[in-house]
Amino acid sequence: MPADHEQYYGFTKFAMELNELDPSLKLLLPPTDTRLRLDQRKSKDDTWVSNNTYWDLRRDPGFAHLDCPVLW
């Protein structure tokens, strides 16, 4: 077990490394792989900023009158 296994829900080092993207394999992955998606990377890196956009817009009284609201 890694020293900080409690921070990672008790996962072993092997389990924590399963989703890491090896640079040599990146060329072999299809462009639809979720590890290449910007929203997935931002959520993993904890830099996701638009997760509450919908609810912020819902609080806006003019939101209901928009024909096609842009949520992101």
PDB file of N, CA and C in Angstrom:
ATOM      1  N   MET A   1       0.837  -1.188   0.000  1.00  0.00           N
ATOM      2  CA  MET A   1       0.000   0.000   0.000  1.00  0.00           C
ATOM      3  C   MET A   1       0.880   1.249   0.000  1.00  0.00           C
ATOM      4  N   PRO A   2       0.491   2.252  -0.783  1.00  0.00           N
ATOM      5  CA  PRO A   2       1.234   3.512  -0.757  1.00  0.00           C
ATOM      6  C   PRO A   2       1.067   4.216   0.591  1.00  0.00           C
ATOM      7  N   ALA A   3       1.966   5.119   0.876  1.00  0.00           N
ATOM      8  CA  ALA A   3       1.920   5.824   2.160  1.00  0.00           C
ATOM      9  C   ALA A   3       0.646   6.651   2.306  1.00  0.00           C
ATOM     10  N   ASP A   4       0.142   7.199   1.199  1.00  0.00           N
ATOM     11  CA  ASP A   4      -1.055   8.040   1.254  1.00  0.00           C
ATOM     12  C   ASP A   4      -2.300   7.303   0.758  1.00  0.00           C
ATOM     13  N   HIS A   5      -2.368   5.998   1.016  1.00  0.00           N
ATOM     14  CA  HIS A   5      -3.483   5.195   0.503  1.00  0.00           C
ATOM     15  C   HIS A   5      -4.831   5.614   1.094  1.00  0.00           C
ATOM     16  N   GLU A   6      -4.834   6.180   2.288  1.00  0.00           N
ATOM     17  CA  GLU A   6      -6.101   6.613   2.896  1.00  0.00           C
ATOM     18  C   GLU A   6      -6.706   7.785   2.130  1.00  0.00           C
ATOM     19  N   GLN A   7      -5.851   8.624   1.558  1.00  0.00           N
ATOM     20  CA  GLN A   7      -6.323   9.754   0.759  1.00  0.00           C
ATOM     21  C   GLN A   7      -6.965   9.264  -0.540  1.00  0.00           C
ATOM     22  N   TYR A   8      -6.575   8.104  -1.000  1.00  0.00           N
ATOM     23  CA  TYR A   8      -7.081   7.538  -2.252  1.00  0.00           C
ATOM     24  C   TYR A   8      -8.001   6.350  -1.998  1.00  0.00           C
ATOM     25  N   TYR A   9      -8.801   6.431  -0.965  1.00  0.00           N
ATOM     26  CA  TYR A   9      -9.842   5.444  -0.657  1.00  0.00           C
ATOM     27  C   TYR A   9      -9.306   4.030  -0.480  1.00  0.00           C
ATOM     28  N   GLY A  10      -8.069   3.897  -0.032  1.00  0.00           N
ATOM     29  CA  GLY A  10      -7.498   2.584   0.221  1.00  0.00           C
ATOM     30  C   GLY A  10      -7.065   1.845  -1.030  1.00  0.00           C
ATOM     31  N   PHE A  11      -7.002   2.536  -2.176  1.00  0.00           N
ATOM     32  CA  PHE A  11      -6.575   1.882  -3.414  1.00  0.00           C
ATOM     33  C   PHE A  11      -5.094   1.538  -3.344  1.00  0.00           C
ATOM     34  N   THR A  12      -4.730   0.472  -4.010  1.00  0.00           N
ATOM     35  CA  THR A  12      -3.324   0.115  -4.126  1.00  0.00           C
ATOM     36  C   THR A  12      -2.672   1.017  -5.169  1.00  0.00           C
ATOM     37  N   LYS A  13      -1.354   0.970  -5.238  1.00  0.00           N
ATOM     38  CA  LYS A  13      -0.641   1.768  -6.232  1.00  0.00           C
ATOM     39  C   LYS A  13      -1.069   1.359  -7.638  1.00  0.00           C
ATOM     40  N   PHE A  14      -1.268   0.068  -7.858  1.00  0.00           N
ATOM     41  CA  PHE A  14      -1.712  -0.422  -9.161  1.00  0.00           C
ATOM     42  C   PHE A  14      -3.063   0.190  -9.543  1.00  0.00           C
ATOM     43  N   ALA A  15      -3.990   0.206  -8.616  1.00  0.00           N
ATOM     44  CA  ALA A  15      -5.323   0.745  -8.899  1.00  0.00           C
ATOM     45  C   ALA A  15      -5.270   2.246  -9.175  1.00  0.00           C
ATOM     46  N   MET A  16      -4.396   2.961  -8.480  1.00  0.00           N
ATOM     47  CA  MET A  16      -4.295   4.398  -8.692  1.00  0.00           C
ATOM     48  C   MET A  16      -3.675   4.721 -10.046  1.00  0.00           C
ATOM     49  N   GLU A  17      -2.828   3.836 -10.568  1.00  0.00           N
ATOM     50  CA  GLU A  17      -2.151   4.096 -11.835  1.00  0.00           C
ATOM     51  C   GLU A  17      -2.923   3.600 -13.054  1.00  0.00           C
ATOM     52  N   LEU A  18      -4.038   2.927 -12.854  1.00  0.00           N
ATOM     53  CA  LEU A  18      -4.767   2.347 -13.982  1.00  0.00           C
ATOM     54  C   LEU A  18      -5.218   3.374 -15.007  1.00  0.00           C
ATOM     55  N   ASN A  19      -5.632   4.532 -14.581  1.00  0.00           N
ATOM     56  CA  ASN A  19      -6.168   5.520 -15.510  1.00  0.00           C
ATOM     57  C   ASN A  19      -5.137   6.555 -15.945  1.00  0.00           C
ATOM     58  N   GLU A  20      -3.882   6.399 -15.528  1.00  0.00           N
ATOM     59  CA  GLU A  20      -2.858   7.337 -15.956  1.00  0.00           C
ATOM     60  C   GLU A  20      -2.595   7.149 -17.443  1.00  0.00           C
ATOM     61  N   LEU A  21      -2.358   8.253 -18.113  1.00  0.00           N
ATOM     62  CA  LEU A  21      -2.155   8.228 -19.553  1.00  0.00           C
ATOM     63  C   LEU A  21      -0.665   8.227 -19.858  1.00  0.00           C
ATOM     64  N   ASP A  22      -0.179   7.102 -20.350  1.00  0.00           N
ATOM     65  CA  ASP A  22       1.221   6.967 -20.717  1.00  0.00           C
ATOM     66  C   ASP A  22       1.447   7.679 -22.050  1.00  0.00           C
ATOM     67  N   PRO A  23       2.458   8.554 -22.162  1.00  0.00           N
ATOM     68  CA  PRO A  23       2.679   9.288 -23.413  1.00  0.00           C
ATOM     69  C   PRO A  23       2.885   8.381 -24.630  1.00  0.00           C
ATOM     70  N   SER A  24       3.486   7.220 -24.437  1.00  0.00           N
ATOM     71  CA  SER A  24       3.708   6.330 -25.578  1.00  0.00           C
ATOM     72  C   SER A  24       2.407   5.703 -26.076  1.00  0.00           C
ATOM     73  N   LEU A  25       1.414   5.586 -25.206  1.00  0.00           N
ATOM     74  CA  LEU A  25       0.133   5.005 -25.610  1.00  0.00           C
ATOM     75  C   LEU A  25      -0.853   6.044 -26.136  1.00  0.00           C
ATOM     76  N   LYS A  26      -0.573   7.307 -25.897  1.00  0.00           N
ATOM     77  CA  LYS A  26      -1.505   8.360 -26.305  1.00  0.00           C
ATOM     78  C   LYS A  26      -1.730   8.347 -27.814  1.00  0.00           C
ATOM     79  N   LEU A  27      -0.700   8.023 -28.576  1.00  0.00           N
ATOM     80  CA  LEU A  27      -0.825   7.983 -30.035  1.00  0.00           C
ATOM     81  C   LEU A  27      -1.714   6.840 -30.500  1.00  0.00           C
ATOM     82  N   LEU A  28      -1.841   5.795 -29.698  1.00  0.00           N
ATOM     83  CA  LEU A  28      -2.625   4.626 -30.083  1.00  0.00           C
ATOM     84  C   LEU A  28      -4.092   4.724 -29.680  1.00  0.00           C
ATOM     85  N   LEU A  29      -4.411   5.681 -28.822  1.00  0.00           N
ATOM     86  CA  LEU A  29      -5.780   5.796 -28.327  1.00  0.00           C
ATOM     87  C   LEU A  29      -6.680   6.501 -29.338  1.00  0.00           C
ATOM     88  N   PRO A  30      -7.934   6.112 -29.401  1.00  0.00           N
ATOM     89  CA  PRO A  30      -8.869   6.824 -30.282  1.00  0.00           C
ATOM     90  C   PRO A  30      -9.165   8.212 -29.711  1.00  0.00           C
ATOM     91  N   PRO A  31      -9.536   9.162 -30.553  1.00  0.00           N
ATOM     92  CA  PRO A  31      -9.813  10.515 -30.055  1.00  0.00           C
ATOM     93  C   PRO A  31     -11.027  10.572 -29.132  1.00  0.00           C
ATOM     94  N   THR A  32     -11.815   9.507 -29.097  1.00  0.00           N
ATOM     95  CA  THR A  32     -12.998   9.485 -28.237  1.00  0.00           C
ATOM     96  C   THR A  32     -12.711   8.937 -26.845  1.00  0.00           C
ATOM     97  N   ASP A  33     -11.474   8.563 -26.565  1.00  0.00           N
ATOM     98  CA  ASP A  33     -11.120   8.054 -25.242  1.00  0.00           C
ATOM     99  C   ASP A  33     -11.416   9.126 -24.197  1.00  0.00           C
ATOM    100  N   THR A  34     -12.055   8.745 -23.113  1.00  0.00           N
ATOM    101  CA  THR A  34     -12.478   9.738 -22.118  1.00  0.00           C
ATOM    102  C   THR A  34     -11.309  10.431 -21.436  1.00  0.00           C
ATOM    103  N   ARG A  35     -10.144   9.811 -21.442  1.00  0.00           N
ATOM    104  CA  ARG A  35      -8.991  10.454 -20.822  1.00  0.00           C
ATOM    105  C   ARG A  35      -8.509  11.643 -21.641  1.00  0.00           C
ATOM    106  N   LEU A  36      -8.933  11.742 -22.898  1.00  0.00           N
ATOM    107  CA  LEU A  36      -8.545  12.864 -23.744  1.00  0.00           C
ATOM    108  C   LEU A  36      -9.586  13.980 -23.732  1.00  0.00           C
ATOM    109  N   ARG A  37     -10.737  13.725 -23.154  1.00  0.00           N
ATOM    110  CA  ARG A  37     -11.791  14.740 -23.119  1.00  0.00           C
ATOM    111  C   ARG A  37     -11.424  15.842 -22.140  1.00  0.00           C
ATOM    112  N   LEU A  38     -11.610  17.069 -22.569  1.00  0.00           N
ATOM    113  CA  LEU A  38     -11.236  18.219 -21.747  1.00  0.00           C
ATOM    114  C   LEU A  38     -12.015  18.265 -20.438  1.00  0.00           C
ATOM    115  N   ASP A  39     -13.317  17.964 -20.493  1.00  0.00           N
ATOM    116  CA  ASP A  39     -14.102  18.027 -19.262  1.00  0.00           C
ATOM    117  C   ASP A  39     -13.675  16.953 -18.273  1.00  0.00           C
ATOM    118  N   GLN A  40     -13.291  15.784 -18.764  1.00  0.00           N
ATOM    119  CA  GLN A  40     -12.828  14.723 -17.874  1.00  0.00           C
ATOM    120  C   GLN A  40     -11.495  15.090 -17.229  1.00  0.00           C
ATOM    121  N   ARG A  41     -10.600  15.668 -18.025  1.00  0.00           N
ATOM    122  CA  ARG A  41      -9.302  16.060 -17.465  1.00  0.00           C
ATOM    123  C   ARG A  41      -9.462  17.171 -16.439  1.00  0.00           C
ATOM    124  N   LYS A  42     -10.339  18.133 -16.718  1.00  0.00           N
ATOM    125  CA  LYS A  42     -10.531  19.229 -15.766  1.00  0.00           C
ATOM    126  C   LYS A  42     -11.149  18.737 -14.471  1.00  0.00           C
ATOM    127  N   SER A  43     -12.074  17.793 -14.573  1.00  0.00           N
ATOM    128  CA  SER A  43     -12.673  17.289 -13.341  1.00  0.00           C
ATOM    129  C   SER A  43     -11.666  16.482 -12.536  1.00  0.00           C
ATOM    130  N   LYS A  44     -10.782  15.777 -13.224  1.00  0.00           N
ATOM    131  CA  LYS A  44      -9.757  15.008 -12.524  1.00  0.00           C
ATOM    132  C   LYS A  44      -8.720  15.935 -11.887  1.00  0.00           C
ATOM    133  N   ASP A  45      -8.371  17.017 -12.605  1.00  0.00           N
ATOM    134  CA  ASP A  45      -7.379  17.964 -12.099  1.00  0.00           C
ATOM    135  C   ASP A  45      -7.979  18.970 -11.124  1.00  0.00           C
ATOM    136  N   ASP A  46      -9.282  18.856 -10.883  1.00  0.00           N
ATOM    137  CA  ASP A  46      -9.993  19.741  -9.962  1.00  0.00           C
ATOM    138  C   ASP A  46      -9.948  21.198 -10.415  1.00  0.00           C
ATOM    139  N   THR A  47     -10.018  21.416 -11.737  1.00  0.00           N
ATOM    140  CA  THR A  47     -10.065  22.770 -12.281  1.00  0.00           C
ATOM    141  C   THR A  47     -11.367  23.011 -13.020  1.00  0.00           C
ATOM    142  N   TRP A  48     -12.378  22.247 -12.698  1.00  0.00           N
ATOM    143  CA  TRP A  48     -13.674  22.345 -13.358  1.00  0.00           C
ATOM    144  C   TRP A  48     -14.379  23.602 -12.871  1.00  0.00           C
ATOM    145  N   VAL A  49     -14.724  24.507 -13.775  1.00  0.00           N
ATOM    146  CA  VAL A  49     -15.339  25.764 -13.364  1.00  0.00           C
ATOM    147  C   VAL A  49     -16.809  25.865 -13.739  1.00  0.00           C
ATOM    148  N   SER A  50     -17.269  25.078 -14.677  1.00  0.00           N
ATOM    149  CA  SER A  50     -18.639  25.250 -15.155  1.00  0.00           C
ATOM    150  C   SER A  50     -19.604  24.219 -14.582  1.00  0.00           C
ATOM    151  N   ASN A  51     -19.276  23.618 -13.458  1.00  0.00           N
ATOM    152  CA  ASN A  51     -20.154  22.582 -12.922  1.00  0.00           C
ATOM    153  C   ASN A  51     -21.453  23.136 -12.347  1.00  0.00           C
ATOM    154  N   ASN A  52     -21.511  24.388 -11.966  1.00  0.00           N
ATOM    155  CA  ASN A  52     -22.744  24.966 -11.429  1.00  0.00           C
ATOM    156  C   ASN A  52     -23.367  25.990 -12.372  1.00  0.00           C
ATOM    157  N   THR A  53     -22.925  26.023 -13.617  1.00  0.00           N
ATOM    158  CA  THR A  53     -23.425  27.019 -14.555  1.00  0.00           C
ATOM    159  C   THR A  53     -24.926  26.918 -14.738  1.00  0.00           C
ATOM    160  N   TYR A  54     -25.434  25.730 -14.898  1.00  0.00           N
ATOM    161  CA  TYR A  54     -26.865  25.549 -15.117  1.00  0.00           C
ATOM    162  C   TYR A  54     -27.667  26.128 -13.959  1.00  0.00           C
ATOM    163  N   TRP A  55     -27.265  25.811 -12.728  1.00  0.00           N
ATOM    164  CA  TRP A  55     -28.024  26.277 -11.566  1.00  0.00           C
ATOM    165  C   TRP A  55     -27.856  27.771 -11.364  1.00  0.00           C
ATOM    166  N   ASP A  56     -26.702  28.313 -11.724  1.00  0.00           N
ATOM    167  CA  ASP A  56     -26.536  29.764 -11.649  1.00  0.00           C
ATOM    168  C   ASP A  56     -27.474  30.457 -12.632  1.00  0.00           C
ATOM    169  N   LEU A  57     -27.620  29.889 -13.819  1.00  0.00           N
ATOM    170  CA  LEU A  57     -28.531  30.461 -14.805  1.00  0.00           C
ATOM    171  C   LEU A  57     -29.990  30.303 -14.382  1.00  0.00           C
ATOM    172  N   ARG A  58     -30.316  29.216 -13.732  1.00  0.00           N
ATOM    173  CA  ARG A  58     -31.693  28.992 -13.291  1.00  0.00           C
ATOM    174  C   ARG A  58     -32.132  30.051 -12.277  1.00  0.00           C
ATOM    175  N   ARG A  59     -31.194  30.560 -11.487  1.00  0.00           N
ATOM    176  CA  ARG A  59     -31.522  31.600 -10.515  1.00  0.00           C
ATOM    177  C   ARG A  59     -31.805  32.939 -11.194  1.00  0.00           C
ATOM    178  N   ASP A  60     -31.302  33.093 -12.430  1.00  0.00           N
ATOM    179  CA  ASP A  60     -31.505  34.325 -13.182  1.00  0.00           C
ATOM    180  C   ASP A  60     -32.954  34.388 -13.666  1.00  0.00           C
ATOM    181  N   PRO A  61     -33.697  35.458 -13.346  1.00  0.00           N
ATOM    182  CA  PRO A  61     -35.106  35.514 -13.746  1.00  0.00           C
ATOM    183  C   PRO A  61     -35.305  35.516 -15.258  1.00  0.00           C
ATOM    184  N   GLY A  62     -34.335  35.971 -16.027  1.00  0.00           N
ATOM    185  CA  GLY A  62     -34.482  35.999 -17.481  1.00  0.00           C
ATOM    186  C   GLY A  62     -34.178  34.674 -18.147  1.00  0.00           C
ATOM    187  N   PHE A  63     -33.756  33.696 -17.386  1.00  0.00           N
ATOM    188  CA  PHE A  63     -33.368  32.400 -17.953  1.00  0.00           C
ATOM    189  C   PHE A  63     -34.536  31.710 -18.642  1.00  0.00           C
ATOM    190  N   ALA A  64     -35.712  31.773 -18.069  1.00  0.00           N
ATOM    191  CA  ALA A  64     -36.871  31.074 -18.624  1.00  0.00           C
ATOM    192  C   ALA A  64     -37.303  31.665 -19.958  1.00  0.00           C
ATOM    193  N   HIS A  65     -36.916  32.892 -20.248  1.00  0.00           N
ATOM    194  CA  HIS A  65     -37.340  33.543 -21.485  1.00  0.00           C
ATOM    195  C   HIS A  65     -36.342  33.357 -22.620  1.00  0.00           C
ATOM    196  N   LEU A  66     -35.255  32.669 -22.383  1.00  0.00           N
ATOM    197  CA  LEU A  66     -34.280  32.413 -23.438  1.00  0.00           C
ATOM    198  C   LEU A  66     -34.767  31.274 -24.322  1.00  0.00           C
ATOM    199  N   ASP A  67     -34.580  31.428 -25.634  1.00  0.00           N
ATOM    200  CA  ASP A  67     -34.984  30.373 -26.562  1.00  0.00           C
ATOM    201  C   ASP A  67     -34.047  29.174 -26.474  1.00  0.00           C
ATOM    202  N   CYS A  68     -32.772  29.451 -26.495  1.00  0.00           N
ATOM    203  CA  CYS A  68     -31.776  28.380 -26.468  1.00  0.00           C
ATOM    204  C   CYS A  68     -30.633  28.830 -25.561  1.00  0.00           C
ATOM    205  N   PRO A  69     -30.703  28.569 -24.268  1.00  0.00           N
ATOM    206  CA  PRO A  69     -29.663  29.061 -23.359  1.00  0.00           C
ATOM    207  C   PRO A  69     -28.323  28.362 -23.593  1.00  0.00           C
ATOM    208  N   VAL A  70     -27.273  29.146 -23.549  1.00  0.00           N
ATOM    209  CA  VAL A  70     -25.924  28.610 -23.664  1.00  0.00           C
ATOM    210  C   VAL A  70     -25.443  28.309 -22.256  1.00  0.00           C
ATOM    211  N   LEU A  71     -25.213  27.038 -21.958  1.00  0.00           N
ATOM    212  CA  LEU A  71     -24.844  26.644 -20.600  1.00  0.00           C
ATOM    213  C   LEU A  71     -23.345  26.564 -20.392  1.00  0.00           C
ATOM    214  N   TRP A  72     -22.561  26.591 -21.460  1.00  0.00           N
ATOM    215  CA  TRP A  72     -21.109  26.564 -21.290  1.00  0.00           C
ATOM    216  C   TRP A  72     -20.445  27.294 -22.402  1.00  0.00           C
TER     217      TRP A  72
END
